[in-house]
Full PDB file with SEQRES, HELIX, SHEET, SSBOND, CRYST1, ORIGX, SCALE, CONECT and MASTER records, all heavy atoms in Angstrom:
SEQRES   1 A   40  PHE ASP LEU ARG GLU ARG GLN LYS ARG GLU SER GLY LYS          
SEQRES   2 A   40  PRO ARG ALA LEU LYS SER GLY ALA THR GLN LEU SER LYS          
SEQRES   3 A   40  ARG ALA LYS ARG GLY GLY ARG ALA ALA GLU LYS LYS GLN          
SEQRES   4 A   40  VAL                                                          
HELIX    1 AA1 LEU A    3  ARG A    9  1                                   7    
HELIX    2 AA2 GLY A   20  ARG A   30  1                                  11    
HELIX    3 AA3 ARG A   33  GLN A   39  1                                   7    
CRYST1    1.000    1.000    1.000  90.00  90.00  90.00 P 1           1          
ORIGX1      1.000000  0.000000  0.000000        0.00000                         
ORIGX2      0.000000  1.000000  0.000000        0.00000                         
ORIGX3      0.000000  0.000000  1.000000        0.00000                         
SCALE1      1.000000  0.000000  0.000000        0.00000                         
SCALE2      0.000000  1.000000  0.000000        0.00000                         
SCALE3      0.000000  0.000000  1.000000        0.00000                         
ATOM      1  N   PHE A   1       9.177  61.701 -26.625  1.00  0.00           N  
ATOM      2  CA  PHE A   1       8.519  61.645 -25.342  1.00  0.00           C  
ATOM      3  C   PHE A   1       7.151  62.413 -25.473  1.00  0.00           C  
ATOM      4  O   PHE A   1       6.149  62.000 -24.926  1.00  0.00           O  
ATOM      5  CB  PHE A   1       9.361  62.232 -24.278  1.00  0.00           C  
ATOM      6  CG  PHE A   1       8.697  62.407 -22.922  1.00  0.00           C  
ATOM      7  CD1 PHE A   1       8.372  61.280 -22.179  1.00  0.00           C  
ATOM      8  CD2 PHE A   1       8.400  63.687 -22.448  1.00  0.00           C  
ATOM      9  CE1 PHE A   1       7.782  61.493 -21.011  1.00  0.00           C  
ATOM     10  CE2 PHE A   1       7.748  63.860 -21.274  1.00  0.00           C  
ATOM     11  CZ  PHE A   1       7.413  62.674 -20.483  1.00  0.00           C  
ATOM     12  N   ASP A   2       7.176  63.607 -26.180  1.00  0.00           N  
ATOM     13  CA  ASP A   2       5.977  64.358 -26.269  1.00  0.00           C  
ATOM     14  C   ASP A   2       5.027  63.874 -27.406  1.00  0.00           C  
ATOM     15  O   ASP A   2       3.803  64.197 -27.426  1.00  0.00           O  
ATOM     16  CB  ASP A   2       6.352  65.816 -26.561  1.00  0.00           C  
ATOM     17  CG  ASP A   2       6.797  66.615 -25.424  1.00  0.00           C  
ATOM     18  OD1 ASP A   2       6.578  66.093 -24.225  1.00  0.00           O  
ATOM     19  OD2 ASP A   2       7.246  67.703 -25.559  1.00  0.00           O  
ATOM     20  N   LEU A   3       5.516  63.060 -28.324  1.00  0.00           N  
ATOM     21  CA  LEU A   3       4.722  62.685 -29.405  1.00  0.00           C  
ATOM     22  C   LEU A   3       3.458  61.946 -29.092  1.00  0.00           C  
ATOM     23  O   LEU A   3       2.404  62.295 -29.638  1.00  0.00           O  
ATOM     24  CB  LEU A   3       5.564  61.828 -30.404  1.00  0.00           C  
ATOM     25  CG  LEU A   3       4.849  61.262 -31.626  1.00  0.00           C  
ATOM     26  CD1 LEU A   3       4.356  62.447 -32.538  1.00  0.00           C  
ATOM     27  CD2 LEU A   3       5.739  60.419 -32.513  1.00  0.00           C  
ATOM     28  N   ARG A   4       3.507  60.999 -28.188  1.00  0.00           N  
ATOM     29  CA  ARG A   4       2.284  60.263 -27.841  1.00  0.00           C  
ATOM     30  C   ARG A   4       1.320  61.116 -27.151  1.00  0.00           C  
ATOM     31  O   ARG A   4       0.052  60.997 -27.393  1.00  0.00           O  
ATOM     32  CB  ARG A   4       2.659  59.078 -26.878  1.00  0.00           C  
ATOM     33  CG  ARG A   4       3.508  58.067 -27.497  1.00  0.00           C  
ATOM     34  CD  ARG A   4       3.723  56.847 -26.632  1.00  0.00           C  
ATOM     35  NE  ARG A   4       4.619  55.878 -27.110  1.00  0.00           N  
ATOM     36  CZ  ARG A   4       6.014  55.858 -26.985  1.00  0.00           C  
ATOM     37  NH1 ARG A   4       6.506  56.812 -26.256  1.00  0.00           N  
ATOM     38  NH2 ARG A   4       6.628  54.840 -27.528  1.00  0.00           N  
ATOM     39  N   GLU A   5       1.712  62.053 -26.319  1.00  0.00           N  
ATOM     40  CA  GLU A   5       0.827  62.954 -25.695  1.00  0.00           C  
ATOM     41  C   GLU A   5       0.127  63.879 -26.678  1.00  0.00           C  
ATOM     42  O   GLU A   5      -1.114  64.125 -26.538  1.00  0.00           O  
ATOM     43  CB  GLU A   5       1.568  63.867 -24.659  1.00  0.00           C  
ATOM     44  CG  GLU A   5       0.707  64.771 -23.764  1.00  0.00           C  
ATOM     45  CD  GLU A   5      -0.296  64.048 -22.905  1.00  0.00           C  
ATOM     46  OE1 GLU A   5      -0.044  62.891 -22.619  1.00  0.00           O  
ATOM     47  OE2 GLU A   5      -1.235  64.697 -22.454  1.00  0.00           O  
ATOM     48  N   ARG A   6       0.938  64.389 -27.732  1.00  0.00           N  
ATOM     49  CA  ARG A   6       0.301  65.175 -28.730  1.00  0.00           C  
ATOM     50  C   ARG A   6      -0.786  64.462 -29.568  1.00  0.00           C  
ATOM     51  O   ARG A   6      -1.851  64.920 -29.894  1.00  0.00           O  
ATOM     52  CB  ARG A   6       1.390  65.794 -29.695  1.00  0.00           C  
ATOM     53  CG  ARG A   6       2.169  66.841 -29.023  1.00  0.00           C  
ATOM     54  CD  ARG A   6       3.000  67.588 -30.106  1.00  0.00           C  
ATOM     55  NE  ARG A   6       4.055  66.705 -30.749  1.00  0.00           N  
ATOM     56  CZ  ARG A   6       5.284  66.645 -30.339  1.00  0.00           C  
ATOM     57  NH1 ARG A   6       5.631  67.352 -29.242  1.00  0.00           N  
ATOM     58  NH2 ARG A   6       6.095  65.869 -30.888  1.00  0.00           N  
ATOM     59  N   GLN A   7      -0.460  63.158 -29.757  1.00  0.00           N  
ATOM     60  CA  GLN A   7      -1.459  62.321 -30.490  1.00  0.00           C  
ATOM     61  C   GLN A   7      -2.806  62.142 -29.769  1.00  0.00           C  
ATOM     62  O   GLN A   7      -3.770  62.218 -30.318  1.00  0.00           O  
ATOM     63  CB  GLN A   7      -0.821  60.976 -30.802  1.00  0.00           C  
ATOM     64  CG  GLN A   7       0.403  61.001 -31.919  1.00  0.00           C  
ATOM     65  CD  GLN A   7       0.998  59.693 -32.019  1.00  0.00           C  
ATOM     66  OE1 GLN A   7       1.238  58.970 -31.111  1.00  0.00           O  
ATOM     67  NE2 GLN A   7       1.473  59.473 -33.278  1.00  0.00           N  
ATOM     68  N   LYS A   8      -2.636  62.015 -28.445  1.00  0.00           N  
ATOM     69  CA  LYS A   8      -3.780  61.900 -27.592  1.00  0.00           C  
ATOM     70  C   LYS A   8      -4.692  63.162 -27.694  1.00  0.00           C  
ATOM     71  O   LYS A   8      -5.884  63.122 -27.627  1.00  0.00           O  
ATOM     72  CB  LYS A   8      -3.370  61.543 -26.129  1.00  0.00           C  
ATOM     73  CG  LYS A   8      -2.887  60.156 -25.932  1.00  0.00           C  
ATOM     74  CD  LYS A   8      -2.508  60.015 -24.516  1.00  0.00           C  
ATOM     75  CE  LYS A   8      -1.821  58.640 -24.283  1.00  0.00           C  
ATOM     76  NZ  LYS A   8      -1.434  58.444 -22.855  1.00  0.00           N  
ATOM     77  N   ARG A   9      -3.955  64.271 -27.687  1.00  0.00           N  
ATOM     78  CA  ARG A   9      -4.689  65.606 -27.641  1.00  0.00           C  
ATOM     79  C   ARG A   9      -5.292  65.931 -29.105  1.00  0.00           C  
ATOM     80  O   ARG A   9      -6.151  66.800 -29.142  1.00  0.00           O  
ATOM     81  CB  ARG A   9      -3.740  66.706 -27.189  1.00  0.00           C  
ATOM     82  CG  ARG A   9      -3.339  66.620 -25.828  1.00  0.00           C  
ATOM     83  CD  ARG A   9      -2.830  68.024 -25.316  1.00  0.00           C  
ATOM     84  NE  ARG A   9      -1.746  68.411 -26.248  1.00  0.00           N  
ATOM     85  CZ  ARG A   9      -0.431  68.335 -25.947  1.00  0.00           C  
ATOM     86  NH1 ARG A   9      -0.097  67.678 -24.852  1.00  0.00           N  
ATOM     87  NH2 ARG A   9       0.423  68.871 -26.750  1.00  0.00           N  
ATOM     88  N   GLU A  10      -4.850  65.195 -30.109  1.00  0.00           N  
ATOM     89  CA  GLU A  10      -5.346  65.503 -31.400  1.00  0.00           C  
ATOM     90  C   GLU A  10      -6.768  65.188 -31.529  1.00  0.00           C  
ATOM     91  O   GLU A  10      -7.200  64.038 -31.419  1.00  0.00           O  
ATOM     92  CB  GLU A  10      -4.503  64.688 -32.447  1.00  0.00           C  
ATOM     93  CG  GLU A  10      -4.596  65.162 -33.837  1.00  0.00           C  
ATOM     94  CD  GLU A  10      -3.889  66.530 -34.045  1.00  0.00           C  
ATOM     95  OE1 GLU A  10      -3.081  66.846 -33.269  1.00  0.00           O  
ATOM     96  OE2 GLU A  10      -4.282  67.181 -35.095  1.00  0.00           O  
ATOM     97  N   SER A  11      -7.620  66.162 -31.666  1.00  0.00           N  
ATOM     98  CA  SER A  11      -9.053  65.903 -31.712  1.00  0.00           C  
ATOM     99  C   SER A  11      -9.570  65.157 -32.975  1.00  0.00           C  
ATOM    100  O   SER A  11     -10.457  64.402 -32.962  1.00  0.00           O  
ATOM    101  CB  SER A  11      -9.771  67.266 -31.579  1.00  0.00           C  
ATOM    102  OG  SER A  11      -9.425  68.086 -32.576  1.00  0.00           O  
ATOM    103  N   GLY A  12      -9.032  65.542 -34.129  1.00  0.00           N  
ATOM    104  CA  GLY A  12      -9.441  64.871 -35.398  1.00  0.00           C  
ATOM    105  C   GLY A  12      -8.322  64.193 -35.987  1.00  0.00           C  
ATOM    106  O   GLY A  12      -7.050  64.360 -35.751  1.00  0.00           O  
ATOM    107  N   LYS A  13      -8.601  63.288 -36.910  1.00  0.00           N  
ATOM    108  CA  LYS A  13      -7.602  62.569 -37.666  1.00  0.00           C  
ATOM    109  C   LYS A  13      -6.951  63.451 -38.620  1.00  0.00           C  
ATOM    110  O   LYS A  13      -7.643  64.246 -39.370  1.00  0.00           O  
ATOM    111  CB  LYS A  13      -8.151  61.335 -38.380  1.00  0.00           C  
ATOM    112  CG  LYS A  13      -8.673  60.250 -37.350  1.00  0.00           C  
ATOM    113  CD  LYS A  13      -9.194  59.052 -38.107  1.00  0.00           C  
ATOM    114  CE  LYS A  13      -9.612  57.993 -37.151  1.00  0.00           C  
ATOM    115  NZ  LYS A  13     -10.183  56.769 -37.809  1.00  0.00           N  
ATOM    116  N   PRO A  14      -5.625  63.368 -38.928  1.00  0.00           N  
ATOM    117  CA  PRO A  14      -4.946  64.120 -39.904  1.00  0.00           C  
ATOM    118  C   PRO A  14      -5.440  63.745 -41.296  1.00  0.00           C  
ATOM    119  O   PRO A  14      -5.848  62.629 -41.546  1.00  0.00           O  
ATOM    120  CB  PRO A  14      -3.524  63.747 -39.703  1.00  0.00           C  
ATOM    121  CG  PRO A  14      -3.322  63.126 -38.385  1.00  0.00           C  
ATOM    122  CD  PRO A  14      -4.623  62.537 -38.112  1.00  0.00           C  
ATOM    123  N   ARG A  15      -5.328  64.727 -42.197  1.00  0.00           N  
ATOM    124  CA  ARG A  15      -5.891  64.523 -43.534  1.00  0.00           C  
ATOM    125  C   ARG A  15      -5.018  63.483 -44.250  1.00  0.00           C  
ATOM    126  O   ARG A  15      -3.803  63.468 -44.130  1.00  0.00           O  
ATOM    127  CB  ARG A  15      -5.774  65.772 -44.350  1.00  0.00           C  
ATOM    128  CG  ARG A  15      -6.075  65.632 -45.811  1.00  0.00           C  
ATOM    129  CD  ARG A  15      -6.025  66.975 -46.423  1.00  0.00           C  
ATOM    130  NE  ARG A  15      -4.747  67.567 -46.377  1.00  0.00           N  
ATOM    131  CZ  ARG A  15      -3.673  67.376 -47.181  1.00  0.00           C  
ATOM    132  NH1 ARG A  15      -3.845  66.535 -48.151  1.00  0.00           N  
ATOM    133  NH2 ARG A  15      -2.534  67.967 -47.051  1.00  0.00           N  
ATOM    134  N   ALA A  16      -5.651  62.378 -44.820  1.00  0.00           N  
ATOM    135  CA  ALA A  16      -4.921  61.362 -45.391  1.00  0.00           C  
ATOM    136  C   ALA A  16      -4.166  61.913 -46.701  1.00  0.00           C  
ATOM    137  O   ALA A  16      -4.728  62.637 -47.473  1.00  0.00           O  
ATOM    138  CB  ALA A  16      -5.783  60.221 -45.872  1.00  0.00           C  
ATOM    139  N   LEU A  17      -2.966  61.537 -46.882  1.00  0.00           N  
ATOM    140  CA  LEU A  17      -2.182  61.998 -48.066  1.00  0.00           C  
ATOM    141  C   LEU A  17      -2.164  60.849 -49.065  1.00  0.00           C  
ATOM    142  O   LEU A  17      -2.422  59.727 -48.861  1.00  0.00           O  
ATOM    143  CB  LEU A  17      -0.768  62.284 -47.682  1.00  0.00           C  
ATOM    144  CG  LEU A  17      -0.668  63.417 -46.472  1.00  0.00           C  
ATOM    145  CD1 LEU A  17       0.876  63.557 -46.325  1.00  0.00           C  
ATOM    146  CD2 LEU A  17      -1.198  64.732 -46.941  1.00  0.00           C  
ATOM    147  N   LYS A  18      -1.899  61.192 -50.308  1.00  0.00           N  
ATOM    148  CA  LYS A  18      -1.706  60.229 -51.316  1.00  0.00           C  
ATOM    149  C   LYS A  18      -0.502  59.369 -51.094  1.00  0.00           C  
ATOM    150  O   LYS A  18       0.432  59.774 -50.380  1.00  0.00           O  
ATOM    151  CB  LYS A  18      -1.423  60.812 -52.746  1.00  0.00           C  
ATOM    152  CG  LYS A  18      -2.779  61.547 -53.231  1.00  0.00           C  
ATOM    153  CD  LYS A  18      -2.463  62.230 -54.600  1.00  0.00           C  
ATOM    154  CE  LYS A  18      -3.700  62.875 -55.086  1.00  0.00           C  
ATOM    155  NZ  LYS A  18      -3.506  63.343 -56.475  1.00  0.00           N  
ATOM    156  N   SER A  19      -0.594  58.001 -51.462  1.00  0.00           N  
ATOM    157  CA  SER A  19       0.542  57.121 -51.181  1.00  0.00           C  
ATOM    158  C   SER A  19       1.932  57.647 -51.641  1.00  0.00           C  
ATOM    159  O   SER A  19       1.861  58.076 -52.859  1.00  0.00           O  
ATOM    160  CB  SER A  19       0.222  55.766 -51.825  1.00  0.00           C  
ATOM    161  OG  SER A  19       1.250  54.956 -51.817  1.00  0.00           O  
ATOM    162  N   GLY A  20       2.857  57.600 -50.857  1.00  0.00           N  
ATOM    163  CA  GLY A  20       4.235  57.960 -51.264  1.00  0.00           C  
ATOM    164  C   GLY A  20       4.733  57.170 -52.388  1.00  0.00           C  
ATOM    165  O   GLY A  20       5.363  57.646 -53.323  1.00  0.00           O  
ATOM    166  N   ALA A  21       4.435  55.908 -52.436  1.00  0.00           N  
ATOM    167  CA  ALA A  21       4.841  54.958 -53.517  1.00  0.00           C  
ATOM    168  C   ALA A  21       4.185  55.393 -54.875  1.00  0.00           C  
ATOM    169  O   ALA A  21       4.830  55.362 -55.898  1.00  0.00           O  
ATOM    170  CB  ALA A  21       4.398  53.583 -53.193  1.00  0.00           C  
ATOM    171  N   THR A  22       2.852  55.796 -54.755  1.00  0.00           N  
ATOM    172  CA  THR A  22       2.196  56.297 -55.993  1.00  0.00           C  
ATOM    173  C   THR A  22       2.967  57.538 -56.481  1.00  0.00           C  
ATOM    174  O   THR A  22       3.009  57.730 -57.754  1.00  0.00           O  
ATOM    175  CB  THR A  22       0.801  56.536 -55.692  1.00  0.00           C  
ATOM    176  OG1 THR A  22       0.132  55.372 -55.221  1.00  0.00           O  
ATOM    177  CG2 THR A  22       0.078  57.003 -56.953  1.00  0.00           C  
ATOM    178  N   GLN A  23       3.263  58.453 -55.612  1.00  0.00           N  
ATOM    179  CA  GLN A  23       3.915  59.718 -56.086  1.00  0.00           C  
ATOM    180  C   GLN A  23       5.276  59.393 -56.693  1.00  0.00           C  
ATOM    181  O   GLN A  23       5.654  60.001 -57.672  1.00  0.00           O  
ATOM    182  CB  GLN A  23       4.047  60.642 -54.812  1.00  0.00           C  
ATOM    183  CG  GLN A  23       2.776  61.132 -54.208  1.00  0.00           C  
ATOM    184  CD  GLN A  23       3.004  61.940 -52.993  1.00  0.00           C  
ATOM    185  OE1 GLN A  23       4.167  61.858 -52.432  1.00  0.00           O  
ATOM    186  NE2 GLN A  23       2.033  62.614 -52.474  1.00  0.00           N  
ATOM    187  N   LEU A  24       5.987  58.451 -56.127  1.00  0.00           N  
ATOM    188  CA  LEU A  24       7.271  58.180 -56.713  1.00  0.00           C  
ATOM    189  C   LEU A  24       7.217  57.546 -58.002  1.00  0.00           C  
ATOM    190  O   LEU A  24       7.955  57.773 -58.950  1.00  0.00           O  
ATOM    191  CB  LEU A  24       8.069  57.280 -55.735  1.00  0.00           C  
ATOM    192  CG  LEU A  24       8.584  57.985 -54.522  1.00  0.00           C  
ATOM    193  CD1 LEU A  24       9.493  57.012 -53.672  1.00  0.00           C  
ATOM    194  CD2 LEU A  24       9.375  59.209 -54.811  1.00  0.00           C  
ATOM    195  N   SER A  25       6.224  56.557 -58.247  1.00  0.00           N  
ATOM    196  CA  SER A  25       6.080  55.887 -59.419  1.00  0.00           C  
ATOM    197  C   SER A  25       5.761  56.863 -60.568  1.00  0.00           C  
ATOM    198  O   SER A  25       6.336  56.743 -61.644  1.00  0.00           O  
ATOM    199  CB  SER A  25       4.983  54.838 -59.346  1.00  0.00           C  
ATOM    200  OG  SER A  25       4.717  54.161 -60.524  1.00  0.00           O  
ATOM    201  N   LYS A  26       4.891  57.844 -60.290  1.00  0.00           N  
ATOM    202  CA  LYS A  26       4.451  58.801 -61.298  1.00  0.00           C  
ATOM    203  C   LYS A  26       5.667  59.648 -61.693  1.00  0.00           C  
ATOM    204  O   LYS A  26       5.875  60.021 -62.847  1.00  0.00           O  
ATOM    205  CB  LYS A  26       3.340  59.589 -60.788  1.00  0.00           C  
ATOM    206  CG  LYS A  26       2.016  58.902 -60.726  1.00  0.00           C  
ATOM    207  CD  LYS A  26       0.836  59.771 -60.250  1.00  0.00           C  
ATOM    208  CE  LYS A  26      -0.418  58.953 -60.254  1.00  0.00           C  
ATOM    209  NZ  LYS A  26      -1.614  59.900 -59.757  1.00  0.00           N  
ATOM    210  N   ARG A  27       6.462  60.082 -60.644  1.00  0.00           N  
ATOM    211  CA  ARG A  27       7.522  60.944 -60.924  1.00  0.00           C  
ATOM    212  C   ARG A  27       8.615  60.277 -61.741  1.00  0.00           C  
ATOM    213  O   ARG A  27       9.172  60.911 -62.621  1.00  0.00           O  
ATOM    214  CB  ARG A  27       8.091  61.528 -59.525  1.00  0.00           C  
ATOM    215  CG  ARG A  27       9.353  62.371 -59.777  1.00  0.00           C  
ATOM    216  CD  ARG A  27       9.529  63.220 -58.569  1.00  0.00           C  
ATOM    217  NE  ARG A  27       8.490  64.075 -58.236  1.00  0.00           N  
ATOM    218  CZ  ARG A  27       8.388  64.747 -57.171  1.00  0.00           C  
ATOM    219  NH1 ARG A  27       9.323  64.700 -56.261  1.00  0.00           N  
ATOM    220  NH2 ARG A  27       7.410  65.618 -56.905  1.00  0.00           N  
ATOM    221  N   ALA A  28       8.792  59.004 -61.450  1.00  0.00           N  
ATOM    222  CA  ALA A  28       9.899  58.319 -62.159  1.00  0.00           C  
ATOM    223  C   ALA A  28       9.591  58.198 -63.638  1.00  0.00           C  
ATOM    224  O   ALA A  28      10.432  58.351 -64.537  1.00  0.00           O  
ATOM    225  CB  ALA A  28      10.079  56.894 -61.588  1.00  0.00           C  
ATOM    226  N   LYS A  29       8.297  58.045 -64.001  1.00  0.00           N  
ATOM    227  CA  LYS A  29       7.813  57.951 -65.296  1.00  0.00           C  
ATOM    228  C   LYS A  29       7.979  59.199 -66.029  1.00  0.00           C  
ATOM    229  O   LYS A  29       8.195  59.283 -67.282  1.00  0.00           O  
ATOM    230  CB  LYS A  29       6.393  57.470 -65.403  1.00  0.00           C  
ATOM    231  CG  LYS A  29       6.208  55.971 -65.010  1.00  0.00           C  
ATOM    232  CD  LYS A  29       4.705  55.628 -64.989  1.00  0.00           C  
ATOM    233  CE  LYS A  29       4.525  54.180 -64.495  1.00  0.00           C  
ATOM    234  NZ  LYS A  29       3.118  53.792 -64.502  1.00  0.00           N  
ATOM    235  N   ARG A  30       7.808  60.367 -65.322  1.00  0.00           N  
ATOM    236  CA  ARG A  30       7.869  61.714 -65.948  1.00  0.00           C  
ATOM    237  C   ARG A  30       9.359  62.174 -66.158  1.00  0.00           C  
ATOM    238  O   ARG A  30       9.569  63.204 -66.770  1.00  0.00           O  
ATOM    239  CB  ARG A  30       7.063  62.683 -65.090  1.00  0.00           C  
ATOM    240  CG  ARG A  30       5.603  62.531 -65.192  1.00  0.00           C  
ATOM    241  CD  ARG A  30       4.907  63.810 -64.716  1.00  0.00           C  
ATOM    242  NE  ARG A  30       5.259  64.028 -63.272  1.00  0.00           N  
ATOM    243  CZ  ARG A  30       4.460  63.648 -62.315  1.00  0.00           C  
ATOM    244  NH1 ARG A  30       3.374  62.926 -62.494  1.00  0.00           N  
ATOM    245  NH2 ARG A  30       4.877  63.914 -61.049  1.00  0.00           N  
ATOM    246  N   GLY A  31      10.296  61.419 -65.580  1.00  0.00           N  
ATOM    247  CA  GLY A  31      11.662  61.765 -65.811  1.00  0.00           C  
ATOM    248  C   GLY A  31      12.262  62.401 -64.569  1.00  0.00           C  
ATOM    249  O   GLY A  31      13.434  62.855 -64.713  1.00  0.00           O  
ATOM    250  N   GLY A  32      11.586  62.461 -63.520  1.00  0.00           N  
ATOM    251  CA  GLY A  32      12.278  62.773 -62.207  1.00  0.00           C  
ATOM    252  C   GLY A  32      12.551  64.261 -62.085  1.00  0.00           C  
ATOM    253  O   GLY A  32      11.728  65.045 -61.552  1.00  0.00           O  
ATOM    254  N   ARG A  33      13.727  64.752 -62.567  1.00  0.00           N  
ATOM    255  CA  ARG A  33      14.224  66.120 -62.272  1.00  0.00           C  
ATOM    256  C   ARG A  33      13.314  67.178 -62.746  1.00  0.00           C  
ATOM    257  O   ARG A  33      12.964  68.147 -62.206  1.00  0.00           O  
ATOM    258  CB  ARG A  33      15.619  66.301 -62.734  1.00  0.00           C  
ATOM    259  CG  ARG A  33      16.285  67.595 -62.232  1.00  0.00           C  
ATOM    260  CD  ARG A  33      17.687  67.684 -62.706  1.00  0.00           C  
ATOM    261  NE  ARG A  33      18.628  66.806 -62.054  1.00  0.00           N  
ATOM    262  CZ  ARG A  33      19.166  65.677 -62.575  1.00  0.00           C  
ATOM    263  NH1 ARG A  33      18.952  65.370 -63.850  1.00  0.00           N  
ATOM    264  NH2 ARG A  33      20.031  65.002 -61.859  1.00  0.00           N  
ATOM    265  N   ALA A  34      12.920  67.056 -64.079  1.00  0.00           N  
ATOM    266  CA  ALA A  34      12.055  68.078 -64.664  1.00  0.00           C  
ATOM    267  C   ALA A  34      10.758  68.143 -63.980  1.00  0.00           C  
ATOM    268  O   ALA A  34      10.244  69.259 -63.776  1.00  0.00           O  
ATOM    269  CB  ALA A  34      11.900  67.691 -66.178  1.00  0.00           C  
ATOM    270  N   ALA A  35      10.118  67.063 -63.631  1.00  0.00           N  
ATOM    271  CA  ALA A  35       8.843  67.083 -63.012  1.00  0.00           C  
ATOM    272  C   ALA A  35       9.022  67.793 -61.558  1.00  0.00           C  
ATOM    273  O   ALA A  35       8.127  68.420 -61.131  1.00  0.00           O  
ATOM    274  CB  ALA A  35       8.253  65.660 -62.791  1.00  0.00           C  
ATOM    275  N   GLU A  36      10.034  67.536 -60.950  1.00  0.00           N  
ATOM    276  CA  GLU A  36      10.325  68.090 -59.673  1.00  0.00           C  
ATOM    277  C   GLU A  36      10.339  69.608 -59.770  1.00  0.00           C  
ATOM    278  O   GLU A  36       9.677  70.267 -58.941  1.00  0.00           O  
ATOM    279  CB  GLU A  36      11.640  67.691 -59.002  1.00  0.00           C  
ATOM    280  CG  GLU A  36      12.049  68.208 -57.789  1.00  0.00           C  
ATOM    281  CD  GLU A  36      11.212  67.782 -56.584  1.00  0.00           C  
ATOM    282  OE1 GLU A  36      10.536  66.737 -56.682  1.00  0.00           O  
ATOM    283  OE2 GLU A  36      11.134  68.607 -55.586  1.00  0.00           O  
ATOM    284  N   LYS A  37      10.987  70.170 -60.787  1.00  0.00           N  
ATOM    285  CA  LYS A  37      11.050  71.635 -60.840  1.00  0.00           C  
ATOM    286  C   LYS A  37       9.673  72.267 -61.141  1.00  0.00           C  
ATOM    287  O   LYS A  37       9.378  73.302 -60.710  1.00  0.00           O  
ATOM    288  CB  LYS A  37      12.045  71.971 -62.019  1.00  0.00           C  
ATOM    289  CG  LYS A  37      13.486  71.666 -61.673  1.00  0.00           C  
ATOM    290  CD  LYS A  37      14.417  72.032 -62.758  1.00  0.00           C  
ATOM    291  CE  LYS A  37      15.915  71.661 -62.440  1.00  0.00           C  
ATOM    292  NZ  LYS A  37      16.779  71.950 -63.615  1.00  0.00           N  
ATOM    293  N   LYS A  38       8.943  71.567 -62.002  1.00  0.00           N  
ATOM    294  CA  LYS A  38       7.601  72.029 -62.287  1.00  0.00           C  
ATOM    295  C   LYS A  38       6.680  72.106 -61.112  1.00  0.00           C  
ATOM    296  O   LYS A  38       5.754  72.942 -61.002  1.00  0.00           O  
ATOM    297  CB  LYS A  38       6.988  71.218 -63.426  1.00  0.00           C  
ATOM    298  CG  LYS A  38       7.641  71.308 -64.716  1.00  0.00           C  
ATOM    299  CD  LYS A  38       7.003  70.459 -65.714  1.00  0.00           C  
ATOM    300  CE  LYS A  38       7.666  70.518 -67.131  1.00  0.00           C  
ATOM    301  NZ  LYS A  38       7.059  69.672 -68.161  1.00  0.00           N  
ATOM    302  N   GLN A  39       6.838  71.117 -60.172  1.00  0.00           N  
ATOM    303  CA  GLN A  39       5.933  71.017 -58.996  1.00  0.00           C  
ATOM    304  C   GLN A  39       6.282  71.921 -57.864  1.00  0.00           C  
ATOM    305  O   GLN A  39       5.485  72.108 -56.930  1.00  0.00           O  
ATOM    306  CB  GLN A  39       5.877  69.590 -58.502  1.00  0.00           C  
ATOM    307  CG  GLN A  39       5.300  68.687 -59.567  1.00  0.00           C  
ATOM    308  CD  GLN A  39       5.202  67.255 -59.002  1.00  0.00           C  
ATOM    309  OE1 GLN A  39       5.550  66.959 -57.912  1.00  0.00           O  
ATOM    310  NE2 GLN A  39       4.730  66.359 -59.867  1.00  0.00           N  
ATOM    311  N   VAL A  40       7.509  72.544 -57.859  1.00  0.00           N  
ATOM    312  CA  VAL A  40       7.857  73.438 -56.771  1.00  0.00           C  
ATOM    313  C   VAL A  40       6.983  74.687 -56.806  1.00  0.00           C  
ATOM    314  O   VAL A  40       6.899  75.356 -57.775  1.00  0.00           O  
ATOM    315  CB  VAL A  40       9.318  73.832 -56.876  1.00  0.00           C  
ATOM    316  CG1 VAL A  40       9.675  74.788 -55.782  1.00  0.00           C  
ATOM    317  CG2 VAL A  40      10.208  72.540 -56.622  1.00  0.00           C  
TER     318      VAL A  40                                                      
MASTER        0    0    0    3    0    0    0    6  317    1    0    4          
END                                                                             
């Protein structure tokens, strides 16, 4: 209910993030679990 109102009040656009698909593709190639630990 509040989400639309908050979006209206948002003065600037949120910072664009890297594509989630791109992040997953890179992580899968690095082996998954090991890469996850390094990035924490």
